[in-house]
Amino acid sequence: MTDSTHCPLCNATGSLAFFADTRRTYLRCSTCALVFVPPEFHLSATDERTEYDKHENDVADQGYRKFLSRLFVPLNQTLDDASQGLDFGCGPGPALASMFRESGHTVALYDPFYAPDTSVLTGSYDFISATEVVEHLYFPGDELSRLWSILAVGGTLGVMTKLVLDRQAFSRWHYKNDPTHVCFFSRASWQWWAKKYGARLSFAGADVILLGK
């Protein structure tokens, strides 16, 4: 039987209770500070896809583009002309990839439900974007390690995800209520990860993380 206290980011065991509501319990890892939902509360792939199909992410939606610009602008500033990128977890409407392409870059797409071509995960990229993705990952440690392995030296992994502040804020946080959100990072989590992988870490706003290789 899988140890439900096993941290899906750093693999440490013995994570402690952090919060509970009527839907789920949440544990916090004492090693990397990740807050996560134990596996028994994970959705099936079918139910997870049903939730994602409710999203309306139109490539041409200016409001959605403005939202994505929080990551696009600082990540694009790190890039040379005509860089090669990967939009990891692009979803059904890959607007971010379109924004990078409009800026002269080449972007491959990957999403387990909407662009499931795993061959793109064996390439080499100058940048990788993961916008509102890591909070959905059942195994974020494995997935981030794989992305880091295909990022070229000198490249940047750009992540957008809302960050845990403290237990009190978490208790009233709408972000935790999405049933597909199972992993919640904090600044401390990213600092742990950056140290482990030797990444250059910067926070470009409240929910944007840049990791340079």
N, C-alpha and C. Protein backbone atom coordinates (compact mmCIF):
# COMPACT_ATOMS: atom_id res chain seq x y z
N MET A 1 0.85 -1.19 0.00
CA MET A 1 0.00 0.00 0.00
C MET A 1 0.88 1.24 0.00
N THR A 2 0.54 2.23 -0.80
CA THR A 2 1.30 3.46 -0.88
C THR A 2 1.14 4.27 0.40
N ASP A 3 2.24 4.80 0.91
CA ASP A 3 2.20 5.66 2.09
C ASP A 3 1.61 7.00 1.68
N SER A 4 0.45 7.34 2.24
CA SER A 4 -0.22 8.58 1.83
C SER A 4 0.52 9.82 2.29
N THR A 5 1.51 9.66 3.20
CA THR A 5 2.30 10.81 3.64
C THR A 5 3.54 11.02 2.77
N HIS A 6 3.70 10.18 1.75
CA HIS A 6 4.86 10.25 0.86
C HIS A 6 4.76 11.49 -0.01
N CYS A 7 5.75 12.39 0.07
CA CYS A 7 5.69 13.64 -0.68
C CYS A 7 5.92 13.40 -2.16
N PRO A 8 5.02 13.88 -3.03
CA PRO A 8 5.18 13.66 -4.46
C PRO A 8 6.20 14.57 -5.12
N LEU A 9 6.77 15.50 -4.37
CA LEU A 9 7.81 16.37 -4.93
C LEU A 9 9.20 15.88 -4.55
N CYS A 10 9.44 15.63 -3.28
CA CYS A 10 10.81 15.29 -2.84
C CYS A 10 10.96 13.85 -2.37
N ASN A 11 9.85 13.10 -2.31
CA ASN A 11 9.84 11.69 -1.92
C ASN A 11 10.04 11.43 -0.44
N ALA A 12 10.08 12.48 0.37
CA ALA A 12 10.18 12.28 1.82
C ALA A 12 8.88 11.69 2.35
N THR A 13 8.98 10.96 3.44
CA THR A 13 7.79 10.42 4.10
C THR A 13 7.54 11.17 5.40
N GLY A 14 6.38 10.93 5.98
CA GLY A 14 6.07 11.54 7.25
C GLY A 14 5.50 12.94 7.17
N SER A 15 4.90 13.30 6.03
CA SER A 15 4.26 14.61 5.92
C SER A 15 3.14 14.72 6.95
N LEU A 16 2.92 15.93 7.43
CA LEU A 16 1.99 16.15 8.53
C LEU A 16 0.71 16.84 8.06
N ALA A 17 -0.35 16.64 8.82
CA ALA A 17 -1.62 17.29 8.51
C ALA A 17 -1.43 18.81 8.48
N PHE A 18 -1.99 19.43 7.45
CA PHE A 18 -1.89 20.87 7.29
C PHE A 18 -3.26 21.53 7.38
N PHE A 19 -4.25 20.90 6.73
CA PHE A 19 -5.60 21.46 6.72
C PHE A 19 -6.55 20.35 6.29
N ALA A 20 -7.82 20.51 6.63
CA ALA A 20 -8.86 19.59 6.17
C ALA A 20 -10.16 20.35 6.03
N ASP A 21 -10.93 19.99 5.01
CA ASP A 21 -12.27 20.53 4.86
C ASP A 21 -13.22 19.37 4.60
N THR A 22 -14.44 19.66 4.19
CA THR A 22 -15.42 18.60 4.01
C THR A 22 -15.14 17.73 2.79
N ARG A 23 -14.25 18.20 1.91
CA ARG A 23 -13.97 17.47 0.67
C ARG A 23 -12.69 16.64 0.77
N ARG A 24 -11.63 17.22 1.33
CA ARG A 24 -10.34 16.56 1.26
C ARG A 24 -9.50 16.93 2.49
N THR A 25 -8.40 16.18 2.67
CA THR A 25 -7.38 16.57 3.63
C THR A 25 -6.14 16.99 2.85
N TYR A 26 -5.31 17.79 3.49
CA TYR A 26 -4.11 18.33 2.87
C TYR A 26 -2.94 18.12 3.83
N LEU A 27 -1.86 17.60 3.29
CA LEU A 27 -0.66 17.36 4.08
C LEU A 27 0.44 18.34 3.67
N ARG A 28 1.38 18.56 4.58
CA ARG A 28 2.53 19.42 4.25
C ARG A 28 3.81 18.66 4.53
N CYS A 29 4.69 18.67 3.55
CA CYS A 29 5.97 18.00 3.67
C CYS A 29 6.92 18.83 4.54
N SER A 30 7.56 18.18 5.49
CA SER A 30 8.48 18.90 6.37
C SER A 30 9.85 19.11 5.73
N THR A 31 10.08 18.48 4.57
CA THR A 31 11.36 18.64 3.88
C THR A 31 11.31 19.76 2.85
N CYS A 32 10.31 19.74 1.95
CA CYS A 32 10.26 20.72 0.86
C CYS A 32 9.09 21.69 0.98
N ALA A 33 8.25 21.52 1.99
CA ALA A 33 7.13 22.42 2.29
C ALA A 33 5.98 22.34 1.28
N LEU A 34 6.00 21.35 0.39
CA LEU A 34 4.87 21.17 -0.52
C LEU A 34 3.63 20.80 0.28
N VAL A 35 2.51 21.43 -0.04
CA VAL A 35 1.21 21.02 0.49
C VAL A 35 0.54 20.19 -0.59
N PHE A 36 0.05 19.02 -0.22
CA PHE A 36 -0.50 18.14 -1.24
C PHE A 36 -1.69 17.34 -0.73
N VAL A 37 -2.48 16.87 -1.67
CA VAL A 37 -3.66 16.05 -1.39
C VAL A 37 -3.26 14.58 -1.50
N PRO A 38 -3.53 13.76 -0.50
CA PRO A 38 -3.17 12.35 -0.57
C PRO A 38 -3.85 11.65 -1.75
N PRO A 39 -3.24 10.58 -2.25
CA PRO A 39 -3.74 9.92 -3.47
C PRO A 39 -5.18 9.47 -3.41
N GLU A 40 -5.69 9.14 -2.22
CA GLU A 40 -7.07 8.65 -2.16
C GLU A 40 -8.10 9.70 -2.56
N PHE A 41 -7.67 10.96 -2.65
CA PHE A 41 -8.57 12.04 -3.08
C PHE A 41 -8.36 12.45 -4.55
N HIS A 42 -7.48 11.77 -5.25
CA HIS A 42 -7.24 12.09 -6.66
C HIS A 42 -8.42 11.64 -7.52
N LEU A 43 -8.71 12.41 -8.55
CA LEU A 43 -9.76 12.04 -9.50
C LEU A 43 -9.26 10.98 -10.46
N SER A 44 -10.18 10.24 -11.03
CA SER A 44 -9.83 9.34 -12.12
C SER A 44 -9.50 10.19 -13.35
N ALA A 45 -8.83 9.58 -14.33
CA ALA A 45 -8.49 10.32 -15.55
C ALA A 45 -9.75 10.82 -16.26
N THR A 46 -10.81 10.02 -16.23
CA THR A 46 -12.07 10.42 -16.88
C THR A 46 -12.67 11.64 -16.20
N ASP A 47 -12.72 11.61 -14.87
CA ASP A 47 -13.29 12.74 -14.14
C ASP A 47 -12.41 13.98 -14.26
N GLU A 48 -11.11 13.76 -14.31
CA GLU A 48 -10.19 14.89 -14.46
C GLU A 48 -10.41 15.56 -15.82
N ARG A 49 -10.52 14.76 -16.88
CA ARG A 49 -10.77 15.31 -18.22
C ARG A 49 -12.10 16.06 -18.26
N THR A 50 -13.10 15.54 -17.58
CA THR A 50 -14.40 16.21 -17.54
C THR A 50 -14.27 17.61 -16.94
N GLU A 51 -13.47 17.75 -15.91
CA GLU A 51 -13.26 19.06 -15.29
C GLU A 51 -12.55 20.00 -16.26
N TYR A 52 -11.54 19.50 -16.95
CA TYR A 52 -10.78 20.35 -17.88
C TYR A 52 -11.62 20.79 -19.07
N ASP A 53 -12.53 19.93 -19.48
CA ASP A 53 -13.38 20.26 -20.63
C ASP A 53 -14.33 21.42 -20.33
N LYS A 54 -14.49 21.75 -19.06
CA LYS A 54 -15.33 22.88 -18.68
C LYS A 54 -14.63 24.22 -18.92
N HIS A 55 -13.30 24.19 -19.05
CA HIS A 55 -12.53 25.42 -19.22
C HIS A 55 -12.72 25.96 -20.64
N GLU A 56 -12.79 27.26 -20.76
CA GLU A 56 -12.90 27.90 -22.07
C GLU A 56 -11.71 28.84 -22.26
N ASN A 57 -10.64 28.27 -22.79
CA ASN A 57 -9.40 29.02 -23.00
C ASN A 57 -9.22 29.29 -24.49
N ASP A 58 -9.79 30.38 -24.94
CA ASP A 58 -9.77 30.75 -26.36
C ASP A 58 -8.44 31.45 -26.68
N VAL A 59 -7.78 30.97 -27.74
CA VAL A 59 -6.49 31.55 -28.15
C VAL A 59 -6.61 33.04 -28.41
N ALA A 60 -7.75 33.50 -28.90
CA ALA A 60 -7.94 34.91 -29.26
C ALA A 60 -8.52 35.75 -28.13
N ASP A 61 -8.79 35.14 -26.99
CA ASP A 61 -9.41 35.88 -25.87
C ASP A 61 -8.39 36.84 -25.26
N GLN A 62 -8.65 38.13 -25.37
CA GLN A 62 -7.68 39.12 -24.89
C GLN A 62 -7.53 39.10 -23.37
N GLY A 63 -8.61 38.79 -22.67
CA GLY A 63 -8.52 38.68 -21.22
C GLY A 63 -7.63 37.52 -20.80
N TYR A 64 -7.75 36.41 -21.52
CA TYR A 64 -6.91 35.25 -21.23
C TYR A 64 -5.46 35.55 -21.57
N ARG A 65 -5.23 36.23 -22.67
CA ARG A 65 -3.87 36.61 -23.04
C ARG A 65 -3.25 37.55 -21.99
N LYS A 66 -4.05 38.45 -21.47
CA LYS A 66 -3.54 39.36 -20.43
C LYS A 66 -3.13 38.57 -19.20
N PHE A 67 -3.93 37.58 -18.84
CA PHE A 67 -3.60 36.70 -17.72
C PHE A 67 -2.28 35.98 -17.98
N LEU A 68 -2.13 35.41 -19.17
CA LEU A 68 -0.92 34.68 -19.51
C LEU A 68 0.31 35.58 -19.62
N SER A 69 0.09 36.86 -19.87
CA SER A 69 1.22 37.78 -20.03
C SER A 69 2.03 37.90 -18.75
N ARG A 70 1.45 37.53 -17.63
CA ARG A 70 2.20 37.57 -16.37
C ARG A 70 3.41 36.64 -16.44
N LEU A 71 3.29 35.54 -17.17
CA LEU A 71 4.43 34.66 -17.40
C LEU A 71 5.13 35.00 -18.71
N PHE A 72 4.35 35.27 -19.73
CA PHE A 72 4.92 35.50 -21.06
C PHE A 72 5.96 36.62 -21.05
N VAL A 73 5.63 37.75 -20.46
CA VAL A 73 6.52 38.91 -20.53
C VAL A 73 7.87 38.64 -19.88
N PRO A 74 7.95 38.21 -18.62
CA PRO A 74 9.27 37.99 -18.03
C PRO A 74 10.03 36.82 -18.66
N LEU A 75 9.31 35.78 -19.10
CA LEU A 75 10.01 34.66 -19.73
C LEU A 75 10.53 35.06 -21.10
N ASN A 76 9.74 35.77 -21.87
CA ASN A 76 10.17 36.21 -23.20
C ASN A 76 11.40 37.10 -23.12
N GLN A 77 11.51 37.88 -22.06
CA GLN A 77 12.65 38.77 -21.89
C GLN A 77 13.97 38.01 -21.71
N THR A 78 13.90 36.74 -21.34
CA THR A 78 15.11 35.94 -21.15
C THR A 78 15.58 35.29 -22.44
N LEU A 79 14.79 35.37 -23.51
CA LEU A 79 15.03 34.55 -24.70
C LEU A 79 15.79 35.29 -25.79
N ASP A 80 16.63 34.53 -26.49
CA ASP A 80 17.23 35.02 -27.73
C ASP A 80 16.19 34.93 -28.84
N ASP A 81 16.46 35.58 -29.96
CA ASP A 81 15.57 35.51 -31.10
C ASP A 81 15.44 34.07 -31.58
N ALA A 82 14.25 33.73 -32.06
CA ALA A 82 13.98 32.42 -32.66
C ALA A 82 14.37 31.26 -31.76
N SER A 83 13.99 31.34 -30.50
CA SER A 83 14.26 30.26 -29.56
C SER A 83 13.29 29.10 -29.77
N GLN A 84 13.70 27.94 -29.27
CA GLN A 84 12.88 26.73 -29.36
C GLN A 84 12.25 26.47 -27.99
N GLY A 85 10.92 26.36 -27.95
CA GLY A 85 10.25 26.20 -26.67
C GLY A 85 9.26 25.05 -26.64
N LEU A 86 8.84 24.72 -25.44
CA LEU A 86 7.82 23.70 -25.20
C LEU A 86 6.78 24.29 -24.25
N ASP A 87 5.52 24.23 -24.66
CA ASP A 87 4.41 24.63 -23.79
C ASP A 87 3.87 23.34 -23.17
N PHE A 88 4.26 23.09 -21.92
CA PHE A 88 3.92 21.86 -21.23
C PHE A 88 2.59 22.04 -20.50
N GLY A 89 1.62 21.18 -20.80
CA GLY A 89 0.29 21.33 -20.24
C GLY A 89 -0.47 22.45 -20.92
N CYS A 90 -0.43 22.44 -22.24
CA CYS A 90 -0.94 23.57 -23.03
C CYS A 90 -2.45 23.71 -22.98
N GLY A 91 -3.16 22.61 -22.65
CA GLY A 91 -4.61 22.67 -22.60
C GLY A 91 -5.23 22.69 -23.98
N PRO A 92 -6.55 22.85 -24.06
CA PRO A 92 -7.24 22.80 -25.35
C PRO A 92 -7.07 24.06 -26.19
N GLY A 93 -6.69 25.16 -25.56
CA GLY A 93 -6.50 26.42 -26.29
C GLY A 93 -5.12 26.99 -26.00
N PRO A 94 -4.09 26.57 -26.75
CA PRO A 94 -2.70 26.94 -26.44
C PRO A 94 -2.38 28.41 -26.77
N ALA A 95 -3.00 29.32 -26.05
CA ALA A 95 -2.81 30.75 -26.31
C ALA A 95 -1.38 31.19 -26.02
N LEU A 96 -0.78 30.64 -24.97
CA LEU A 96 0.59 31.05 -24.63
C LEU A 96 1.56 30.69 -25.75
N ALA A 97 1.40 29.50 -26.30
CA ALA A 97 2.25 29.10 -27.43
C ALA A 97 2.07 30.06 -28.60
N SER A 98 0.84 30.48 -28.85
CA SER A 98 0.59 31.44 -29.92
C SER A 98 1.31 32.76 -29.66
N MET A 99 1.32 33.20 -28.42
CA MET A 99 1.99 34.44 -28.07
C MET A 99 3.50 34.34 -28.32
N PHE A 100 4.09 33.22 -27.96
CA PHE A 100 5.52 33.03 -28.22
C PHE A 100 5.80 32.93 -29.72
N ARG A 101 4.94 32.24 -30.44
CA ARG A 101 5.12 32.12 -31.89
C ARG A 101 5.02 33.48 -32.57
N GLU A 102 4.10 34.30 -32.12
CA GLU A 102 3.96 35.65 -32.67
C GLU A 102 5.20 36.50 -32.41
N SER A 103 5.99 36.10 -31.40
CA SER A 103 7.23 36.81 -31.09
C SER A 103 8.44 36.20 -31.79
N GLY A 104 8.18 35.24 -32.68
CA GLY A 104 9.25 34.69 -33.50
C GLY A 104 9.87 33.40 -33.02
N HIS A 105 9.28 32.80 -32.00
CA HIS A 105 9.83 31.56 -31.47
C HIS A 105 9.08 30.34 -32.02
N THR A 106 9.71 29.20 -31.94
CA THR A 106 9.08 27.93 -32.30
C THR A 106 8.66 27.22 -31.02
N VAL A 107 7.43 26.73 -30.99
CA VAL A 107 6.92 26.14 -29.76
C VAL A 107 6.25 24.80 -30.04
N ALA A 108 6.72 23.76 -29.35
CA ALA A 108 6.06 22.46 -29.37
C ALA A 108 5.02 22.41 -28.26
N LEU A 109 4.04 21.54 -28.42
CA LEU A 109 2.95 21.44 -27.46
C LEU A 109 2.92 20.06 -26.82
N TYR A 110 2.62 20.06 -25.50
CA TYR A 110 2.34 18.78 -24.85
C TYR A 110 1.25 18.97 -23.81
N ASP A 111 0.30 18.06 -23.82
CA ASP A 111 -0.72 17.99 -22.79
C ASP A 111 -1.22 16.54 -22.78
N PRO A 112 -1.31 15.92 -21.62
CA PRO A 112 -1.71 14.51 -21.60
C PRO A 112 -3.10 14.24 -22.15
N PHE A 113 -3.96 15.26 -22.16
CA PHE A 113 -5.31 15.09 -22.66
C PHE A 113 -5.52 15.70 -24.05
N TYR A 114 -4.91 16.84 -24.32
CA TYR A 114 -5.23 17.59 -25.53
C TYR A 114 -4.11 17.59 -26.58
N ALA A 115 -2.90 17.25 -26.20
CA ALA A 115 -1.78 17.17 -27.16
C ALA A 115 -0.83 16.10 -26.65
N PRO A 116 -1.25 14.83 -26.68
CA PRO A 116 -0.54 13.76 -25.98
C PRO A 116 0.64 13.12 -26.71
N ASP A 117 1.27 13.86 -27.60
CA ASP A 117 2.42 13.33 -28.33
C ASP A 117 3.66 13.40 -27.44
N THR A 118 4.01 12.27 -26.84
CA THR A 118 5.13 12.24 -25.90
C THR A 118 6.49 12.37 -26.58
N SER A 119 6.54 12.30 -27.90
CA SER A 119 7.83 12.44 -28.58
C SER A 119 8.45 13.81 -28.34
N VAL A 120 7.62 14.82 -28.07
CA VAL A 120 8.16 16.16 -27.84
C VAL A 120 8.89 16.24 -26.50
N LEU A 121 8.71 15.24 -25.65
CA LEU A 121 9.36 15.25 -24.35
C LEU A 121 10.76 14.64 -24.40
N THR A 122 11.25 14.38 -25.60
CA THR A 122 12.61 13.86 -25.76
C THR A 122 13.50 14.86 -26.49
N GLY A 123 13.00 16.05 -26.72
CA GLY A 123 13.78 17.06 -27.44
C GLY A 123 14.69 17.84 -26.52
N SER A 124 15.12 19.00 -27.00
CA SER A 124 15.92 19.91 -26.21
C SER A 124 15.39 21.31 -26.48
N TYR A 125 15.15 22.08 -25.41
CA TYR A 125 14.45 23.35 -25.55
C TYR A 125 15.19 24.49 -24.86
N ASP A 126 15.08 25.66 -25.48
CA ASP A 126 15.66 26.86 -24.89
C ASP A 126 14.78 27.40 -23.77
N PHE A 127 13.49 27.09 -23.84
CA PHE A 127 12.58 27.48 -22.76
C PHE A 127 11.43 26.50 -22.69
N ILE A 128 10.89 26.36 -21.50
CA ILE A 128 9.71 25.53 -21.26
C ILE A 128 8.76 26.34 -20.39
N SER A 129 7.50 26.38 -20.80
CA SER A 129 6.49 27.06 -20.00
C SER A 129 5.52 26.03 -19.42
N ALA A 130 5.09 26.29 -18.19
CA ALA A 130 4.10 25.44 -17.53
C ALA A 130 3.16 26.37 -16.77
N THR A 131 2.10 26.78 -17.44
CA THR A 131 1.19 27.78 -16.88
C THR A 131 -0.03 27.10 -16.27
N GLU A 132 -0.20 27.29 -14.96
CA GLU A 132 -1.32 26.66 -14.26
C GLU A 132 -1.34 25.16 -14.53
N VAL A 133 -0.17 24.55 -14.31
CA VAL A 133 0.00 23.12 -14.59
C VAL A 133 0.45 22.35 -13.36
N VAL A 134 1.46 22.85 -12.65
CA VAL A 134 2.09 22.02 -11.61
C VAL A 134 1.14 21.66 -10.48
N GLU A 135 0.10 22.49 -10.25
CA GLU A 135 -0.84 22.19 -9.18
C GLU A 135 -1.72 20.98 -9.52
N HIS A 136 -1.72 20.58 -10.80
CA HIS A 136 -2.51 19.43 -11.24
C HIS A 136 -1.72 18.12 -11.22
N LEU A 137 -0.42 18.18 -11.06
CA LEU A 137 0.43 17.00 -11.26
C LEU A 137 0.38 16.06 -10.06
N TYR A 138 0.10 14.79 -10.33
CA TYR A 138 0.12 13.79 -9.26
C TYR A 138 1.55 13.46 -8.85
N PHE A 139 2.50 13.61 -9.77
CA PHE A 139 3.91 13.31 -9.49
C PHE A 139 4.79 14.49 -9.94
N PRO A 140 4.68 15.62 -9.26
CA PRO A 140 5.42 16.81 -9.71
C PRO A 140 6.92 16.65 -9.67
N GLY A 141 7.43 15.85 -8.74
CA GLY A 141 8.87 15.65 -8.69
C GLY A 141 9.39 15.01 -9.96
N ASP A 142 8.71 13.96 -10.42
CA ASP A 142 9.11 13.26 -11.64
C ASP A 142 8.96 14.15 -12.87
N GLU A 143 7.83 14.87 -12.94
CA GLU A 143 7.57 15.69 -14.12
C GLU A 143 8.54 16.87 -14.22
N LEU A 144 8.80 17.53 -13.11
CA LEU A 144 9.75 18.66 -13.15
C LEU A 144 11.15 18.19 -13.46
N SER A 145 11.54 17.03 -12.94
CA SER A 145 12.85 16.48 -13.26
C SER A 145 12.97 16.18 -14.75
N ARG A 146 11.91 15.64 -15.34
CA ARG A 146 11.93 15.35 -16.78
C ARG A 146 12.03 16.63 -17.59
N LEU A 147 11.28 17.66 -17.20
CA LEU A 147 11.36 18.93 -17.92
C LEU A 147 12.75 19.53 -17.81
N TRP A 148 13.33 19.45 -16.64
CA TRP A 148 14.68 20.00 -16.44
C TRP A 148 15.69 19.27 -17.31
N SER A 149 15.48 17.98 -17.51
CA SER A 149 16.44 17.19 -18.30
C SER A 149 16.41 17.55 -19.78
N ILE A 150 15.29 18.10 -20.27
CA ILE A 150 15.21 18.46 -21.69
C ILE A 150 15.36 19.97 -21.91
N LEU A 151 15.67 20.69 -20.85
CA LEU A 151 15.94 22.11 -20.97
C LEU A 151 17.42 22.31 -21.24
N ALA A 152 17.75 23.07 -22.28
CA ALA A 152 19.14 23.30 -22.64
C ALA A 152 19.82 24.16 -21.57
N VAL A 153 21.13 23.98 -21.44
CA VAL A 153 21.91 24.83 -20.56
C VAL A 153 21.78 26.28 -21.04
N GLY A 154 21.50 27.17 -20.11
CA GLY A 154 21.24 28.55 -20.47
C GLY A 154 19.76 28.85 -20.67
N GLY A 155 18.93 27.79 -20.65
CA GLY A 155 17.50 27.95 -20.86
C GLY A 155 16.76 28.28 -19.57
N THR A 156 15.46 28.52 -19.71
CA THR A 156 14.63 28.89 -18.56
C THR A 156 13.34 28.08 -18.55
N LEU A 157 13.02 27.57 -17.38
CA LEU A 157 11.72 26.95 -17.13
C LEU A 157 10.85 27.99 -16.43
N GLY A 158 9.74 28.34 -17.06
CA GLY A 158 8.85 29.34 -16.50
C GLY A 158 7.56 28.69 -16.02
N VAL A 159 7.23 28.93 -14.78
CA VAL A 159 6.06 28.31 -14.15
C VAL A 159 5.13 29.39 -13.63
N MET A 160 3.83 29.19 -13.84
CA MET A 160 2.85 30.03 -13.18
C MET A 160 1.94 29.14 -12.34
N THR A 161 1.90 29.41 -11.04
CA THR A 161 1.02 28.70 -10.12
C THR A 161 0.88 29.55 -8.88
N LYS A 162 -0.29 29.56 -8.29
CA LYS A 162 -0.48 30.35 -7.08
C LYS A 162 0.22 29.66 -5.90
N LEU A 163 0.78 30.47 -5.00
CA LEU A 163 1.63 29.95 -3.94
C LEU A 163 0.94 29.97 -2.58
N VAL A 164 1.24 28.93 -1.80
CA VAL A 164 0.76 28.84 -0.44
C VAL A 164 1.45 29.90 0.42
N LEU A 165 0.68 30.59 1.23
CA LEU A 165 1.24 31.56 2.16
C LEU A 165 1.34 30.97 3.57
N ASP A 166 0.22 30.64 4.16
CA ASP A 166 0.20 30.05 5.49
C ASP A 166 -1.13 29.32 5.67
N ARG A 167 -1.28 28.66 6.81
CA ARG A 167 -2.48 27.85 7.05
C ARG A 167 -3.75 28.71 7.08
N GLN A 168 -3.66 29.87 7.69
CA GLN A 168 -4.84 30.72 7.78
C GLN A 168 -5.32 31.16 6.40
N ALA A 169 -4.38 31.61 5.57
CA ALA A 169 -4.74 32.01 4.21
C ALA A 169 -5.25 30.81 3.41
N PHE A 170 -4.63 29.65 3.63
CA PHE A 170 -5.03 28.45 2.91
C PHE A 170 -6.48 28.08 3.23
N SER A 171 -6.89 28.28 4.46
CA SER A 171 -8.23 27.88 4.89
C SER A 171 -9.34 28.58 4.11
N ARG A 172 -9.06 29.78 3.61
CA ARG A 172 -10.08 30.53 2.87
C ARG A 172 -9.69 30.70 1.40
N TRP A 173 -8.78 29.91 0.94
CA TRP A 173 -8.20 30.03 -0.41
C TRP A 173 -9.07 29.29 -1.41
N HIS A 174 -9.62 30.00 -2.39
CA HIS A 174 -10.46 29.35 -3.41
C HIS A 174 -9.67 28.36 -4.25
N TYR A 175 -8.38 28.59 -4.39
CA TYR A 175 -7.52 27.79 -5.27
C TYR A 175 -7.53 26.32 -4.87
N LYS A 176 -7.65 26.06 -3.58
CA LYS A 176 -7.61 24.68 -3.11
C LYS A 176 -8.90 23.92 -3.41
N ASN A 177 -9.96 24.66 -3.78
CA ASN A 177 -11.26 24.03 -3.95
C ASN A 177 -11.46 23.34 -5.29
N ASP A 178 -10.59 23.62 -6.25
CA ASP A 178 -10.65 22.93 -7.53
C ASP A 178 -10.25 21.47 -7.32
N PRO A 179 -11.11 20.51 -7.65
CA PRO A 179 -10.80 19.10 -7.37
C PRO A 179 -9.61 18.57 -8.16
N THR A 180 -9.18 19.28 -9.21
CA THR A 180 -8.01 18.85 -9.97
C THR A 180 -6.72 19.45 -9.43
N HIS A 181 -6.81 20.36 -8.45
CA HIS A 181 -5.62 20.93 -7.84
C HIS A 181 -5.19 20.04 -6.67
N VAL A 182 -4.03 19.43 -6.79
CA VAL A 182 -3.60 18.45 -5.78
C VAL A 182 -2.24 18.76 -5.16
N CYS A 183 -1.49 19.71 -5.74
CA CYS A 183 -0.18 20.09 -5.21
C CYS A 183 -0.08 21.60 -5.14
N PHE A 184 0.34 22.10 -3.99
CA PHE A 184 0.39 23.53 -3.77
C PHE A 184 1.79 23.91 -3.30
N PHE A 185 2.49 24.66 -4.15
CA PHE A 185 3.86 25.05 -3.87
C PHE A 185 3.88 26.35 -3.06
N SER A 186 4.96 26.56 -2.35
CA SER A 186 5.24 27.82 -1.67
C SER A 186 6.60 28.31 -2.17
N ARG A 187 6.96 29.50 -1.75
CA ARG A 187 8.31 29.98 -2.08
C ARG A 187 9.36 29.02 -1.55
N ALA A 188 9.12 28.50 -0.35
CA ALA A 188 10.08 27.56 0.23
C ALA A 188 10.21 26.29 -0.62
N SER A 189 9.11 25.84 -1.21
CA SER A 189 9.16 24.65 -2.08
C SER A 189 10.06 24.90 -3.28
N TRP A 190 9.89 26.06 -3.90
CA TRP A 190 10.71 26.38 -5.07
C TRP A 190 12.16 26.62 -4.68
N GLN A 191 12.40 27.18 -3.52
CA GLN A 191 13.77 27.36 -3.07
C GLN A 191 14.44 26.01 -2.83
N TRP A 192 13.69 25.07 -2.27
CA TRP A 192 14.23 23.71 -2.08
C TRP A 192 14.55 23.09 -3.44
N TRP A 193 13.60 23.21 -4.38
CA TRP A 193 13.79 22.58 -5.69
C TRP A 193 14.97 23.20 -6.43
N ALA A 194 15.07 24.51 -6.41
CA ALA A 194 16.16 25.21 -7.11
C ALA A 194 17.51 24.81 -6.53
N LYS A 195 17.59 24.66 -5.23
CA LYS A 195 18.86 24.25 -4.62
C LYS A 195 19.22 22.83 -5.04
N LYS A 196 18.24 21.95 -5.08
CA LYS A 196 18.48 20.55 -5.46
C LYS A 196 19.02 20.45 -6.88
N TYR A 197 18.47 21.26 -7.79
CA TYR A 197 18.83 21.15 -9.19
C TYR A 197 19.83 22.22 -9.65
N GLY A 198 20.27 23.05 -8.75
CA GLY A 198 21.24 24.09 -9.12
C GLY A 198 20.66 25.13 -10.05
N ALA A 199 19.37 25.41 -9.89
CA ALA A 199 18.69 26.36 -10.78
C ALA A 199 18.83 27.79 -10.24
N ARG A 200 18.86 28.75 -11.17
CA ARG A 200 18.80 30.16 -10.80
C ARG A 200 17.33 30.52 -10.64
N LEU A 201 16.95 30.84 -9.43
CA LEU A 201 15.54 31.05 -9.10
C LEU A 201 15.22 32.53 -8.99
N SER A 202 14.12 32.92 -9.63
CA SER A 202 13.60 34.27 -9.42
C SER A 202 12.08 34.22 -9.42
N PHE A 203 11.47 35.09 -8.62
CA PHE A 203 10.02 35.20 -8.56
C PHE A 203 9.63 36.47 -9.29
N ALA A 204 8.93 36.31 -10.42
CA ALA A 204 8.53 37.46 -11.25
C ALA A 204 7.07 37.76 -10.97
N GLY A 205 6.78 38.22 -9.77
CA GLY A 205 5.40 38.45 -9.38
C GLY A 205 4.95 37.41 -8.36
N ALA A 206 3.70 37.54 -7.95
CA ALA A 206 3.18 36.70 -6.87
C ALA A 206 3.05 35.24 -7.26
N ASP A 207 2.88 34.93 -8.54
CA ASP A 207 2.60 33.55 -8.95
C ASP A 207 3.43 33.10 -10.14
N VAL A 208 4.52 33.78 -10.42
CA VAL A 208 5.37 33.42 -11.56
C VAL A 208 6.78 33.11 -11.06
N ILE A 209 7.26 31.93 -11.48
CA ILE A 209 8.56 31.43 -11.02
C ILE A 209 9.42 31.16 -12.26
N LEU A 210 10.61 31.70 -12.27
CA LEU A 210 11.56 31.46 -13.36
C LEU A 210 12.74 30.69 -12.80
N LEU A 211 13.09 29.59 -13.49
CA LEU A 211 14.19 28.72 -13.09
C LEU A 211 15.17 28.61 -14.24
N GLY A 212 16.33 29.21 -14.07
CA GLY A 212 17.34 29.21 -15.12
C GLY A 212 18.32 28.08 -14.96
N LYS A 213 18.71 27.49 -16.07
CA LYS A 213 19.65 26.34 -16.04
C LYS A 213 21.03 26.79 -16.51
